[in-house]
Amino acid sequence: MSWFSKISGSESKAEMSFIDHIDELRKHLFRSVIAIVIGAIVMGIYNKFIIRHILMGPIHPDFPTYTYLCKLGKSLGMGNDLCLTAIHVRMQSQAVAGQFNVFLNVVLIGGFILAFPYVFWQFWKFIKPALKTNELKGTSGVIFWVSLLFFIGVLFGYYIVAPYTINFFANFILDENIENIWTIASYFNTMVPLILGSGIAFQLPLVLYFLAKIGVVSSSFLRKYRRHAVLIIVIVTSIITPPDMLSTVICSIPLIILYEVSIFLCIRVEKKRKTEETSEWS
């Protein structure tokens, strides 16, 4: 089926014009925007809690990540080496509408996160008719798995990547006479890519799974460059985490596991393809 075909209520398939195709896309985008706006309204209602305890959470010493890391350090006999006693930073707003702009961005980004399953569902409804029958095999539950990995990635970014990054930059001081005074906009612009980026990064197994189905990547390719991938992961995590081995390991392990899961999924695709080819020749 081409990109310009549409499945009607019956099993007949009618060709769509380019304008009809654009109109169909517009409908899906409109529904997605409505869902995001509803999520933004919910975020706006609870904005004080969200901004004070969630957005600003990683700059507080009692943030859950720091608390559990401190307990882990003590249980491993490291004393208070992993305990965070203070974050040396102050916040300010230098623009007239600075705080209001951050408020709007918080509720909109939060609305998108809340509405993500519905937004992806609309995206899937749009591209599904364009996929061939063999490409649709194994896609049952795709909305659930994509949404689950996205939310796990967002939580990983918020509780692991973001606090380590904020803690590192807050305590990185060139000279004692230099004080860290951040703008709220700069803080927000640092947090959001880390959180959403982690949500997107956790889609790696599914992305490679679909690429394997269409023959773009293979398990042998991923195995060949496994060491390179692990090295890149370790380097990136060592940069964004505090300069200790434990923090780097904690952040690296989930990403390495995702890479290994991707290899496993590619192997499954290749085995299934060989089975189908064998049955066709027999």
Protein backbone atom coordinates (compact mmCIF):
# COMPACT_ATOMS: atom_id res chain seq x y z
CA MET A 1 0.00 0.00 0.00
CA SER A 2 1.35 3.44 -0.86
CA TRP A 3 1.58 6.47 1.40
CA PHE A 4 -1.51 7.84 -0.36
CA SER A 5 -3.87 4.99 0.36
CA LYS A 6 -6.44 4.68 3.06
CA ILE A 7 -8.40 1.76 4.47
CA SER A 8 -12.17 2.45 4.50
CA GLY A 9 -14.74 0.93 6.83
CA SER A 10 -14.96 -2.07 4.51
CA GLU A 11 -11.89 -3.91 3.24
CA SER A 12 -11.71 -1.86 0.02
CA LYS A 13 -8.74 0.47 -0.40
CA ALA A 14 -9.24 3.83 -2.07
CA GLU A 15 -6.42 5.98 -3.35
CA MET A 16 -6.11 9.32 -1.59
CA SER A 17 -5.00 12.50 -3.26
CA PHE A 18 -2.12 14.52 -1.85
CA ILE A 19 -4.60 17.06 -0.42
CA ASP A 20 -6.63 14.30 1.25
CA HIS A 21 -3.43 12.91 2.71
CA ILE A 22 -2.47 16.31 4.15
CA ASP A 23 -6.02 16.70 5.52
CA GLU A 24 -5.72 13.34 7.26
CA LEU A 25 -2.42 14.42 8.80
CA ARG A 26 -4.00 17.68 9.94
CA LYS A 27 -6.74 15.76 11.77
CA HIS A 28 -4.24 13.61 13.65
CA LEU A 29 -2.12 16.65 14.56
CA PHE A 30 -5.19 18.55 15.75
CA ARG A 31 -6.25 15.69 18.02
CA SER A 32 -2.71 15.44 19.38
CA VAL A 33 -2.61 19.18 20.12
CA ILE A 34 -5.95 18.96 21.96
CA ALA A 35 -4.57 16.13 24.11
CA ILE A 36 -1.42 18.14 24.89
CA VAL A 37 -3.52 21.18 25.82
CA ILE A 38 -5.61 19.06 28.19
CA GLY A 39 -2.41 17.71 29.76
CA ALA A 40 -1.06 21.28 30.01
CA ILE A 41 -4.23 22.37 31.83
CA VAL A 42 -3.72 19.57 34.37
CA MET A 43 -0.10 20.65 34.80
CA GLY A 44 -1.19 24.27 35.17
CA ILE A 45 -3.62 23.38 37.96
CA TYR A 46 -0.81 21.78 39.97
CA ASN A 47 1.91 24.16 38.75
CA LYS A 48 3.17 25.20 42.21
CA PHE A 49 3.81 21.62 43.27
CA ILE A 50 5.29 20.68 39.90
CA ILE A 51 7.68 23.65 39.74
CA ARG A 52 8.75 23.62 43.39
CA HIS A 53 9.03 19.88 44.01
CA ILE A 54 9.59 18.41 40.54
CA LEU A 55 11.32 20.98 38.34
CA MET A 56 13.43 22.39 41.18
CA GLY A 57 13.78 19.03 42.93
CA PRO A 58 17.33 18.19 41.76
CA ILE A 59 18.78 21.34 43.36
CA HIS A 60 17.61 20.25 46.83
CA PRO A 61 20.01 18.10 48.89
CA ASP A 62 17.10 15.89 50.03
CA PHE A 63 16.25 14.86 46.46
CA PRO A 64 15.52 11.07 46.43
CA THR A 65 18.47 10.28 44.14
CA TYR A 66 20.95 11.91 46.52
CA THR A 67 19.34 10.26 49.55
CA TYR A 68 19.47 6.74 48.11
CA LEU A 69 22.96 7.29 46.73
CA CYS A 70 24.14 8.30 50.19
CA LYS A 71 22.57 5.17 51.71
CA LEU A 72 24.18 3.05 48.98
CA GLY A 73 27.60 4.55 49.69
CA LYS A 74 27.29 3.82 53.40
CA SER A 75 26.13 0.25 52.75
CA LEU A 76 29.21 -0.28 50.55
CA GLY A 77 31.48 1.01 53.30
CA MET A 78 32.28 4.28 51.57
CA GLY A 79 31.07 6.43 54.46
CA ASN A 80 29.72 9.82 53.39
CA ASP A 81 31.71 9.97 50.14
CA LEU A 82 28.53 9.74 48.05
CA CYS A 83 26.42 11.97 50.28
CA LEU A 84 25.46 15.39 48.96
CA THR A 85 25.48 18.05 51.67
CA ALA A 86 24.84 21.17 49.59
CA ILE A 87 24.38 22.44 46.05
CA HIS A 88 26.23 25.70 45.53
CA VAL A 89 23.89 27.59 43.24
CA ARG A 90 21.32 30.37 43.34
CA MET A 91 18.46 31.03 40.93
CA GLN A 92 17.38 34.27 39.32
CA SER A 93 15.26 35.58 36.46
CA GLN A 94 16.78 38.30 34.27
CA ALA A 95 13.92 38.81 31.80
CA VAL A 96 10.66 40.70 32.39
CA ALA A 97 8.60 37.68 31.35
CA GLY A 98 11.26 35.14 32.29
CA GLN A 99 9.33 33.30 34.98
CA PHE A 100 6.09 33.43 33.00
CA ASN A 101 7.82 31.92 29.94
CA VAL A 102 9.24 29.13 32.07
CA PHE A 103 5.76 28.50 33.48
CA LEU A 104 4.31 28.16 29.96
CA ASN A 105 7.13 25.85 28.90
CA VAL A 106 6.73 23.69 31.99
CA VAL A 107 3.00 23.14 31.50
CA LEU A 108 3.38 22.51 27.75
CA ILE A 109 6.26 20.05 28.09
CA GLY A 110 4.47 18.40 31.01
CA GLY A 111 1.29 18.24 28.94
CA PHE A 112 3.18 16.54 26.13
CA ILE A 113 4.62 13.95 28.53
CA LEU A 114 1.19 13.20 29.99
CA ALA A 115 -0.41 12.95 26.55
CA PHE A 116 2.44 10.99 24.94
CA PRO A 117 0.57 7.65 24.61
CA TYR A 118 -2.33 9.35 22.84
CA VAL A 119 -0.01 11.45 20.66
CA PHE A 120 1.91 8.38 19.56
CA TRP A 121 -1.36 6.53 18.95
CA GLN A 122 -2.39 9.30 16.53
CA PHE A 123 1.02 9.08 14.85
CA TRP A 124 0.68 5.31 14.54
CA LYS A 125 -2.83 5.58 13.06
CA PHE A 126 -1.43 7.90 10.40
CA ILE A 127 1.51 5.74 9.27
CA LYS A 128 -0.04 2.29 9.79
CA PRO A 129 -1.99 2.23 6.48
CA ALA A 130 1.28 2.85 4.63
CA LEU A 131 2.97 -0.25 6.04
CA LYS A 132 3.01 -3.55 4.20
CA THR A 133 1.54 -6.71 5.70
CA ASN A 134 4.95 -8.18 6.50
CA GLU A 135 6.00 -4.88 8.13
CA LEU A 136 2.95 -4.96 10.39
CA LYS A 137 3.80 -8.39 11.75
CA GLY A 138 5.02 -8.17 15.32
CA THR A 139 3.70 -4.64 15.86
CA SER A 140 0.87 -5.59 18.20
CA GLY A 141 1.20 -3.68 21.45
CA VAL A 142 3.57 -1.16 19.88
CA ILE A 143 1.77 1.77 21.54
CA PHE A 144 2.11 0.15 24.96
CA TRP A 145 5.81 -0.66 24.54
CA VAL A 146 6.73 2.71 23.06
CA SER A 147 4.88 4.54 25.84
CA LEU A 148 6.34 2.31 28.56
CA LEU A 149 9.91 2.80 27.34
CA PHE A 150 9.32 6.53 26.98
CA PHE A 151 8.08 6.91 30.57
CA ILE A 152 10.90 4.71 31.93
CA GLY A 153 13.37 6.86 30.01
CA VAL A 154 11.82 10.08 31.33
CA LEU A 155 12.06 8.77 34.90
CA PHE A 156 15.64 7.65 34.30
CA GLY A 157 16.50 11.08 32.91
CA TYR A 158 14.83 12.88 35.80
CA TYR A 159 16.09 10.75 38.68
CA ILE A 160 19.53 9.78 37.34
CA VAL A 161 20.86 11.86 34.45
CA ALA A 162 19.44 15.27 35.39
CA PRO A 163 20.43 15.34 39.09
CA TYR A 164 23.95 14.09 38.33
CA THR A 165 24.32 16.75 35.65
CA ILE A 166 22.93 19.53 37.86
CA ASN A 167 25.07 18.40 40.80
CA PHE A 168 28.22 18.33 38.66
CA PHE A 169 27.78 21.83 37.22
CA ALA A 170 26.59 23.28 40.53
CA ASN A 171 29.73 22.12 42.29
CA PHE A 172 32.16 22.79 39.44
CA ILE A 173 33.97 25.94 40.56
CA LEU A 174 36.97 27.43 38.83
CA ASP A 175 37.73 29.78 41.71
CA GLU A 176 36.24 30.39 45.15
CA ASN A 177 35.52 33.99 44.17
CA ILE A 178 33.20 32.87 41.37
CA GLU A 179 29.62 32.19 42.46
CA ASN A 180 27.16 30.11 40.46
CA ILE A 181 24.06 32.20 39.83
CA TRP A 182 21.86 30.51 37.24
CA THR A 183 18.89 31.92 35.41
CA ILE A 184 15.71 29.89 35.69
CA ALA A 185 15.50 29.79 31.88
CA SER A 186 19.01 28.31 31.61
CA TYR A 187 18.17 25.72 34.27
CA PHE A 188 14.96 24.75 32.47
CA ASN A 189 16.72 24.54 29.10
CA THR A 190 19.25 22.17 30.65
CA MET A 191 16.71 19.94 32.37
CA VAL A 192 14.28 19.42 29.50
CA PRO A 193 16.73 17.96 26.91
CA LEU A 194 18.14 15.60 29.53
CA ILE A 195 14.70 14.29 30.49
CA LEU A 196 13.09 14.13 27.03
CA GLY A 197 16.37 12.96 25.52
CA SER A 198 16.41 10.00 27.89
CA GLY A 199 12.81 9.20 26.98
CA ILE A 200 13.77 9.15 23.31
CA ALA A 201 17.01 7.23 23.95
CA PHE A 202 15.04 4.43 25.60
CA GLN A 203 13.28 3.85 22.26
CA LEU A 204 16.55 2.37 20.94
CA PRO A 205 15.44 -1.31 21.10
CA LEU A 206 12.21 -0.65 19.21
CA VAL A 207 13.90 1.56 16.63
CA LEU A 208 16.56 -1.07 15.90
CA TYR A 209 13.86 -3.76 15.89
CA PHE A 210 11.98 -2.04 13.06
CA LEU A 211 15.23 -1.27 11.23
CA ALA A 212 16.09 -4.97 11.43
CA LYS A 213 12.67 -5.87 10.02
CA ILE A 214 13.31 -3.78 6.92
CA GLY A 215 16.91 -4.99 6.62
CA VAL A 216 18.75 -1.77 7.48
CA VAL A 217 20.70 -3.19 10.44
CA SER A 218 21.63 -6.70 11.53
CA SER A 219 22.61 -8.42 14.75
CA SER A 220 26.09 -9.07 13.34
CA PHE A 221 26.54 -5.34 12.72
CA LEU A 222 25.49 -4.48 16.29
CA ARG A 223 27.76 -7.18 17.69
CA LYS A 224 30.69 -5.98 15.61
CA TYR A 225 30.40 -2.46 17.01
CA ARG A 226 29.35 -3.45 20.54
CA ARG A 227 32.65 -2.31 22.07
CA HIS A 228 32.42 1.01 20.28
CA ALA A 229 28.85 1.51 21.52
CA VAL A 230 29.78 0.64 25.12
CA LEU A 231 32.77 2.98 24.99
CA ILE A 232 30.59 5.85 23.72
CA ILE A 233 28.00 5.17 26.44
CA VAL A 234 30.64 5.15 29.19
CA ILE A 235 32.29 8.34 27.89
CA VAL A 236 28.97 10.21 27.71
CA THR A 237 27.82 9.08 31.15
CA SER A 238 31.21 9.87 32.71
CA ILE A 239 30.88 13.42 31.40
CA ILE A 240 27.39 14.07 32.78
CA THR A 241 27.87 12.30 36.12
CA PRO A 242 30.05 13.20 39.12
CA PRO A 243 33.72 12.08 38.83
CA ASP A 244 33.37 8.73 40.59
CA MET A 245 33.19 5.23 39.12
CA LEU A 246 29.94 4.23 40.88
CA SER A 247 27.93 7.08 39.37
CA THR A 248 29.23 6.27 35.89
CA VAL A 249 28.33 2.61 36.30
CA ILE A 250 24.82 3.40 37.58
CA CYS A 251 24.07 5.56 34.52
CA SER A 252 25.81 3.30 32.00
CA ILE A 253 24.25 -0.04 32.89
CA PRO A 254 20.66 0.72 31.72
CA LEU A 255 21.90 2.06 28.37
CA ILE A 256 24.16 -0.95 27.81
CA ILE A 257 21.26 -3.26 28.67
CA LEU A 258 19.11 -1.47 26.08
CA TYR A 259 21.81 -2.06 23.47
CA GLU A 260 21.97 -5.77 24.33
CA VAL A 261 18.16 -5.99 24.16
CA SER A 262 18.36 -4.43 20.70
CA ILE A 263 20.75 -7.19 19.58
CA PHE A 264 18.40 -9.84 20.98
CA LEU A 265 15.43 -8.36 19.10
CA CYS A 266 17.43 -8.24 15.87
CA ILE A 267 18.32 -11.93 16.29
CA ARG A 268 14.64 -12.77 16.71
CA VAL A 269 13.76 -10.87 13.55
CA GLU A 270 16.47 -12.66 11.56
CA LYS A 271 15.44 -16.11 12.82
CA LYS A 272 11.82 -15.41 11.95
CA ARG A 273 12.81 -14.19 8.48
CA LYS A 274 14.85 -17.35 7.84
CA THR A 275 11.95 -19.52 9.00
CA GLU A 276 9.57 -17.77 6.62
CA GLU A 277 12.02 -18.05 3.73
CA THR A 278 12.50 -21.77 4.43
CA SER A 279 8.74 -22.39 4.52
CA GLU A 280 8.35 -20.57 1.19
CA TRP A 281 10.99 -22.72 -0.53
CA SER A 282 9.63 -25.98 0.91
